[in-house]
Protein backbone atom coordinates (compact mmCIF):
# COMPACT_ATOMS: atom_id res chain seq x y z
CA MET A 1 109.74 108.10 129.40
CA PRO A 2 110.68 109.73 132.68
CA ARG A 3 110.53 106.61 134.80
CA ALA A 4 112.78 104.62 132.48
CA ARG A 5 115.92 106.42 133.62
CA SER A 6 117.04 103.56 135.83
CA SER A 7 115.68 100.70 133.76
CA ALA A 8 117.65 98.32 131.60
CA ARG A 9 115.30 99.18 128.75
CA ALA A 10 116.09 102.88 128.86
CA LEU A 11 119.80 102.24 129.15
CA LEU A 12 119.74 99.83 126.24
CA LEU A 13 117.92 102.31 124.03
CA ALA A 14 120.50 104.89 125.05
CA ALA A 15 123.19 102.55 123.81
CA VAL A 16 121.52 102.33 120.42
CA ALA A 17 120.99 106.08 120.24
CA CYS A 18 124.62 106.87 120.95
CA ALA A 19 125.95 104.36 118.45
CA GLY A 20 126.19 106.91 115.65
CA LEU A 21 124.22 104.72 113.26
CA ALA A 22 121.30 105.59 111.01
CA THR A 23 117.91 105.29 112.68
CA PRO A 24 115.16 104.76 110.09
CA ALA A 25 111.59 105.16 111.23
CA LEU A 26 110.69 101.51 111.07
CA ALA A 27 113.56 100.74 113.45
CA GLN A 28 111.26 102.26 116.05
CA GLN A 29 108.69 99.62 115.04
CA LEU A 30 111.40 96.94 115.45
CA GLN A 31 112.64 98.29 118.80
CA GLY A 32 109.88 100.78 119.53
CA ASP A 33 108.29 100.69 122.99
CA LYS A 34 109.78 97.54 124.48
CA GLY A 35 112.52 96.15 126.66
CA PRO A 36 115.95 94.94 125.64
CA ALA A 37 116.08 92.27 122.98
CA VAL A 38 117.22 89.12 124.69
CA GLY A 39 116.29 86.46 122.16
CA GLY A 40 118.78 84.56 120.07
CA GLY A 41 120.94 81.51 119.78
CA GLU A 42 124.25 82.73 121.14
CA LYS A 43 125.64 81.04 124.21
CA ARG A 44 125.24 83.84 126.73
CA ALA A 45 126.31 84.05 130.34
CA THR A 46 122.70 84.45 131.44
CA ARG A 47 121.37 81.37 129.64
CA THR A 48 120.67 78.35 131.80
CA ALA A 49 120.69 74.80 130.51
CA LEU A 50 117.83 74.11 128.15
CA VAL A 51 116.59 71.31 130.38
CA LEU A 52 115.79 73.94 133.02
CA ASP A 53 113.90 76.24 130.67
CA ARG A 54 111.23 76.01 128.02
CA VAL A 55 111.80 76.95 124.41
CA ALA A 56 109.48 79.72 123.24
CA ALA A 57 110.58 79.63 119.60
CA VAL A 58 113.15 78.10 117.30
CA VAL A 59 114.67 80.46 114.75
CA ASN A 60 116.83 78.52 112.29
CA ASP A 61 119.50 76.96 114.54
CA SER A 62 118.86 79.29 117.49
CA VAL A 63 116.30 79.29 120.27
CA ILE A 64 114.43 81.92 122.24
CA LEU A 65 113.71 80.79 125.79
CA THR A 66 110.59 81.55 127.78
CA SER A 67 112.79 83.12 130.45
CA GLU A 68 114.09 85.55 127.86
CA LEU A 69 110.58 86.35 126.71
CA ASP A 70 109.52 86.85 130.33
CA ALA A 71 112.43 89.26 130.85
CA ARG A 72 111.24 91.24 127.82
CA LEU A 73 107.68 91.32 129.12
CA ALA A 74 108.46 92.27 132.72
CA PRO A 75 108.58 96.07 132.27
CA LEU A 76 105.60 96.02 129.89
CA THR A 77 103.02 94.14 131.91
CA ALA A 78 102.78 96.41 134.96
CA GLY A 79 99.85 98.30 133.45
CA LEU A 80 97.83 95.10 133.10
CA ALA A 81 97.32 95.07 136.86
CA ASN A 82 94.97 98.05 136.42
CA ILE A 83 92.52 95.92 134.41
CA ASN A 84 89.90 94.65 136.84
CA ASP A 85 88.30 92.07 134.57
CA GLU A 86 90.37 88.90 134.98
CA ARG A 87 89.49 87.47 131.56
CA GLU A 88 90.27 90.75 129.81
CA ARG A 89 93.55 91.04 131.72
CA ALA A 90 94.52 87.52 130.66
CA ARG A 91 93.53 88.17 127.03
CA ARG A 92 95.63 91.30 126.77
CA GLY A 93 98.52 89.61 128.51
CA GLU A 94 98.50 86.79 125.96
CA GLN A 95 98.32 89.26 123.07
CA LEU A 96 101.26 91.20 124.46
CA ARG A 97 103.23 87.99 124.93
CA SER A 98 102.58 86.91 121.35
CA GLN A 99 103.52 90.31 119.94
CA GLN A 100 106.76 90.48 121.89
CA LEU A 101 107.76 86.98 120.83
CA ASP A 102 107.16 87.91 117.21
CA GLU A 103 109.39 90.97 117.62
CA MET A 104 112.11 88.87 119.23
CA ILE A 105 111.97 86.47 116.29
CA SER A 106 112.43 89.38 113.87
CA GLU A 107 115.35 90.72 115.89
CA GLU A 108 117.04 87.32 115.95
CA LEU A 109 116.66 86.98 112.18
CA VAL A 110 118.31 90.37 111.68
CA VAL A 111 121.23 89.49 113.96
CA GLN A 112 121.68 86.15 112.21
CA GLU A 113 121.73 87.85 108.82
CA ALA A 114 124.27 90.38 110.10
CA ARG A 115 126.62 87.64 111.24
CA LYS A 116 126.11 85.71 108.02
CA SER A 117 127.20 88.89 106.21
CA LYS A 118 130.35 89.08 108.39
CA LEU A 119 129.19 92.22 110.19
CA ASN A 120 130.40 92.66 113.74
CA VAL A 121 130.65 95.06 116.65
CA ASP A 122 133.91 95.12 118.60
CA ASP A 123 134.51 95.60 122.32
CA LYS A 124 135.62 99.21 121.85
CA GLU A 125 132.26 100.13 120.34
CA VAL A 126 130.37 98.43 123.15
CA SER A 127 132.53 100.17 125.76
CA ALA A 128 131.96 103.52 124.06
CA ALA A 129 128.21 102.92 124.09
CA LEU A 130 128.29 102.03 127.79
CA ALA A 131 130.34 105.13 128.56
CA GLU A 132 127.76 107.26 126.77
CA ILE A 133 124.96 105.56 128.69
CA LYS A 134 126.62 106.36 132.00
CA GLN A 135 127.24 109.96 130.99
CA GLN A 136 123.69 110.56 129.74
CA ASN A 137 122.14 109.02 132.85
CA GLY A 138 124.59 110.45 135.38
CA LEU A 139 125.69 107.01 136.55
CA ASP A 140 129.03 105.59 137.60
CA ASP A 141 129.96 101.92 137.21
CA THR A 142 128.47 100.94 140.55
CA GLN A 143 125.19 102.76 139.92
CA LEU A 144 124.86 101.28 136.44
CA ALA A 145 125.45 97.77 137.79
CA ALA A 146 122.83 98.37 140.49
CA ALA A 147 120.28 99.64 137.95
CA LEU A 148 120.87 96.58 135.79
CA ALA A 149 120.65 94.22 138.76
CA GLN A 150 117.19 95.59 139.53
CA GLN A 151 116.14 94.42 136.07
CA GLY A 152 117.82 91.03 136.46
CA TYR A 153 120.88 91.74 134.30
CA SER A 154 124.55 91.20 135.04
CA MET A 155 127.02 93.61 133.45
CA GLN A 156 128.38 90.81 131.29
CA ALA A 157 124.93 89.90 130.01
CA TYR A 158 124.09 93.55 129.43
CA ARG A 159 127.23 94.07 127.35
CA LYS A 160 126.08 91.21 125.13
CA GLU A 161 122.68 92.81 124.67
CA VAL A 162 124.22 96.18 123.83
CA GLU A 163 126.40 94.40 121.28
CA ARG A 164 123.36 92.72 119.72
CA GLN A 165 121.43 95.96 119.46
CA LEU A 166 124.36 97.76 117.86
CA LEU A 167 124.75 94.86 115.45
CA HIS A 168 121.04 95.08 114.67
CA ARG A 169 121.43 98.75 113.71
CA ARG A 170 124.53 98.02 111.68
CA ALA A 171 122.68 95.38 109.70
CA ILE A 172 119.98 97.88 108.79
CA ASN A 173 122.63 100.38 107.73
CA MET A 174 124.76 98.03 105.70
CA LEU A 175 122.22 95.62 104.24
CA VAL A 176 119.12 97.77 103.69
CA ARG A 177 120.29 101.35 103.37
CA PRO A 178 122.09 100.81 100.01
CA ARG A 179 118.76 99.73 98.51
CA VAL A 180 117.27 103.20 99.01
CA THR A 181 117.85 106.28 96.86
CA VAL A 182 116.01 109.59 96.75
CA THR A 183 116.36 111.76 93.66
CA ASP A 184 115.94 115.52 93.29
CA GLU A 185 112.89 114.78 91.17
CA ASP A 186 111.34 112.84 94.06
CA VAL A 187 111.82 115.85 96.32
CA ARG A 188 110.41 118.29 93.78
CA VAL A 189 107.28 116.16 93.28
CA ARG A 190 106.73 116.09 97.04
CA TYR A 191 107.13 119.87 97.28
CA ASP A 192 104.78 120.53 94.38
CA THR A 193 102.16 118.33 96.02
CA MET A 194 102.47 120.27 99.26
CA SER A 195 102.40 123.63 97.51
CA ARG A 196 98.96 122.88 96.10
CA ARG A 197 97.64 123.20 99.63
CA SER A 198 97.02 126.68 101.02
CA ALA A 199 98.95 125.83 104.16
CA ALA A 200 101.08 122.91 105.30
CA VAL A 201 100.16 121.03 108.45
CA SER A 202 103.27 121.02 110.61
CA LYS A 203 101.96 118.98 113.54
CA VAL A 204 98.79 117.42 114.91
CA ARG A 205 97.44 116.78 118.39
CA LEU A 206 96.68 113.09 117.96
CA LYS A 207 94.71 110.54 119.94
CA HIS A 208 94.21 106.88 119.19
CA ALA A 209 92.51 103.70 120.33
CA LEU A 210 94.32 100.41 119.81
CA LEU A 211 92.48 97.17 119.19
CA SER A 212 95.33 94.75 119.64
CA LEU A 213 95.81 91.66 117.49
CA PRO A 214 98.39 88.86 117.56
CA PRO A 215 100.64 88.29 114.55
CA ASN A 216 98.72 86.52 111.78
CA PRO A 217 95.34 86.79 113.51
CA SER A 218 92.48 84.49 112.63
CA ASN A 219 89.67 85.82 110.44
CA GLU A 220 87.42 85.76 113.49
CA LEU A 221 89.75 87.91 115.61
CA LEU A 222 90.32 90.33 112.74
CA ALA A 223 86.60 90.70 112.09
CA GLU A 224 85.96 91.31 115.78
CA ALA A 225 88.63 94.04 115.94
CA LYS A 226 87.29 95.71 112.78
CA SER A 227 83.80 95.68 114.23
CA LYS A 228 84.98 97.34 117.44
CA ALA A 229 86.92 99.96 115.47
CA ALA A 230 83.91 100.74 113.30
CA ALA A 231 81.76 101.09 116.42
CA ILE A 232 84.20 103.62 117.90
CA VAL A 233 84.25 105.65 114.68
CA GLU A 234 80.46 105.61 114.46
CA ALA A 235 80.07 106.64 118.09
CA VAL A 236 82.47 109.58 117.80
CA ARG A 237 80.91 110.76 114.55
CA GLY A 238 77.59 110.60 116.36
CA GLY A 239 78.81 112.95 119.07
CA ALA A 240 80.43 110.65 121.62
CA SER A 241 83.67 111.72 123.29
CA PHE A 242 86.71 110.07 121.76
CA ASP A 243 88.40 110.19 125.17
CA ASP A 244 85.60 108.10 126.66
CA GLN A 245 85.72 105.62 123.79
CA ALA A 246 89.49 105.21 124.14
CA ARG A 247 89.28 104.73 127.90
CA GLN A 248 86.65 102.05 127.45
CA TYR A 249 87.92 100.13 124.45
CA SER A 250 91.61 100.84 123.75
CA ASP A 251 94.16 98.11 124.47
CA ASP A 252 97.03 100.60 124.69
CA ILE A 253 97.78 100.55 128.41
CA ASN A 254 100.14 103.51 128.06
CA THR A 255 97.58 105.98 126.68
CA ARG A 256 94.19 104.54 127.58
CA ASP A 257 93.78 106.42 130.87
CA SER A 258 94.51 109.74 129.12
CA GLY A 259 91.87 109.13 126.48
CA GLY A 260 94.36 107.80 123.95
CA ASP A 261 96.37 111.03 123.92
CA LEU A 262 99.62 110.75 121.94
CA GLY A 263 100.41 114.46 122.28
CA TRP A 264 101.62 116.74 119.52
CA ILE A 265 102.97 114.70 116.61
CA GLU A 266 105.35 116.33 114.15
CA ARG A 267 106.09 115.13 110.66
CA GLY A 268 108.66 112.36 110.67
CA SER A 269 107.98 111.25 114.23
CA ILE A 270 105.57 108.39 113.53
CA ALA A 271 105.42 105.45 111.15
CA THR A 272 105.08 106.54 107.54
CA GLU A 273 101.81 104.72 106.91
CA TRP A 274 100.31 106.59 109.85
CA GLU A 275 101.76 109.96 108.90
CA VAL A 276 100.16 109.88 105.46
CA ILE A 277 96.78 109.34 107.09
CA VAL A 278 96.84 111.63 110.11
CA PHE A 279 98.36 114.60 108.28
CA SER A 280 95.54 114.46 105.74
CA MET A 281 92.84 114.56 108.43
CA GLU A 282 90.88 117.61 109.50
CA GLU A 283 90.59 118.92 113.03
CA GLY A 284 87.99 116.90 114.93
CA GLU A 285 88.04 114.07 112.40
CA VAL A 286 88.06 110.40 113.41
CA ARG A 287 89.28 107.69 111.09
CA GLY A 288 89.79 103.95 111.27
CA PRO A 289 90.43 101.13 111.38
CA VAL A 290 94.06 101.62 110.34
CA SER A 291 96.46 98.69 110.37
CA GLY A 292 99.71 99.13 112.24
CA PRO A 293 102.06 97.63 114.81
CA GLY A 294 100.09 95.77 117.43
CA GLY A 295 96.75 95.61 115.66
CA LEU A 296 94.12 98.04 114.38
CA HIS A 297 94.00 101.72 115.31
CA VAL A 298 91.37 104.43 115.33
CA PHE A 299 92.82 107.95 115.05
CA TYR A 300 91.33 111.23 116.20
CA VAL A 301 92.88 114.62 115.38
CA GLU A 302 92.04 117.01 118.18
CA GLU A 303 93.97 119.99 116.87
CA LEU A 304 96.10 121.06 113.89
CA ALA A 305 99.03 123.43 113.68
CA LYS A 306 99.63 124.93 110.24
CA SER A 307 102.46 126.97 108.82
CA ASP A 308 103.02 128.68 105.48
CA LEU A 309 105.04 126.58 103.07
CA GLU A 310 108.60 127.85 102.75
CA GLU A 311 110.56 128.17 99.54
CA PHE A 312 111.81 124.94 97.98
CA ASP A 313 115.48 125.44 98.86
CA ALA A 314 114.58 126.04 102.50
CA VAL A 315 112.73 122.74 102.88
CA LYS A 316 114.52 120.57 100.32
CA GLU A 317 116.72 118.82 102.86
CA GLN A 318 113.81 118.16 105.21
CA LEU A 319 111.66 116.73 102.43
CA GLN A 320 114.53 114.59 101.23
CA SER A 321 114.88 113.14 104.74
CA GLU A 322 111.14 112.46 104.95
CA ILE A 323 111.08 110.64 101.62
CA TYR A 324 114.21 108.70 102.51
CA ARG A 325 112.68 107.58 105.80
CA GLU A 326 109.50 106.46 104.03
CA GLU A 327 111.47 104.44 101.49
CA MET A 328 113.58 102.92 104.27
CA ASP A 329 110.39 101.85 106.01
CA LYS A 330 109.24 100.05 102.88
CA GLU A 331 112.60 98.38 102.29
CA ILE A 332 112.98 97.23 105.89
CA THR A 333 109.49 95.75 105.82
CA ALA A 334 110.25 93.92 102.58
CA TRP A 335 113.65 92.77 103.85
CA LEU A 336 112.23 91.38 107.07
CA GLN A 337 109.65 89.46 105.09
CA GLU A 338 112.43 88.04 102.90
CA LEU A 339 114.28 86.85 106.01
CA ARG A 340 111.12 85.23 107.36
CA ASP A 341 110.28 83.55 104.07
CA LYS A 342 113.62 81.73 103.92
CA ALA A 343 113.93 80.98 107.64
CA PHE A 344 112.85 78.02 109.73
CA ILE A 345 110.63 79.44 112.48
CA ASP A 346 108.81 77.26 114.98
CA ARG A 347 106.79 79.07 117.65
CA LYS A 348 106.33 76.77 120.62
CA ILE A 349 103.94 78.97 122.58
């Protein structure tokens, strides 16, 4: 994201990347394309008295404030200004707000579980992450402080957010990772399955249209989104341009103007449930609706790149990593649901 160089979001993601912790695929779904996680119940320097702010959600004995949610939304809502229809702009804004609040609730649950398990991140680790951020972005202390100030963050508040994100990653590593094992037999089965194909698809040129949905959508909203997805699929199969369909109907403000273009996607770079689908599609094929983060998706494979399958020993490590990532995705999803099932969550907005 070229323009994110000076944003608090980009710097925070840099902190996570340089932490030296495992990064399972679903962690992208948890942190994915969003701003710094600022929810939670800790007494932070940036938090004003509750009487001056509304509560967006209660998560066990912690609260997420509307000001924190607004800070998360700020870098994400710029694209909404390009939507001319006022009602549509408002609808998408509300969907985005609901989705981001749901993600903040998940993040807070993970941090709470980490602290309950006596996991912590010390000042040295936070300082090391900040040093790496400055080095990667070519910033000194003054420039970093200025970049953060533009996003409404003090250095003290930003250190707390870096600490929370590192703790989030540590929780995934320590509490979920031990639940996942990949055997040699698992790898061999995967290889044998691939070898039955004449050639292995190494990457796809992928496009998509997003029909956004809030968490736990009503039957009416879900039916409406499914109907729109089916209409897109039918239109493209009937000869319509997928680019035109995406520009007209997709709720993804980041890719809509480019016809839903996600670029070349390699194995291991997208959510597992998507990878299984898109890497089984043919060139020019459209498929959907597919459930995923944010709502329902319609996928279109514009082009395929194939390569001959290498010998088992040459790809064993890669396949092992792919299977491990898939299993981590499943375990993280199950673990998050466990946390939600036993938590007290009260969404106020």
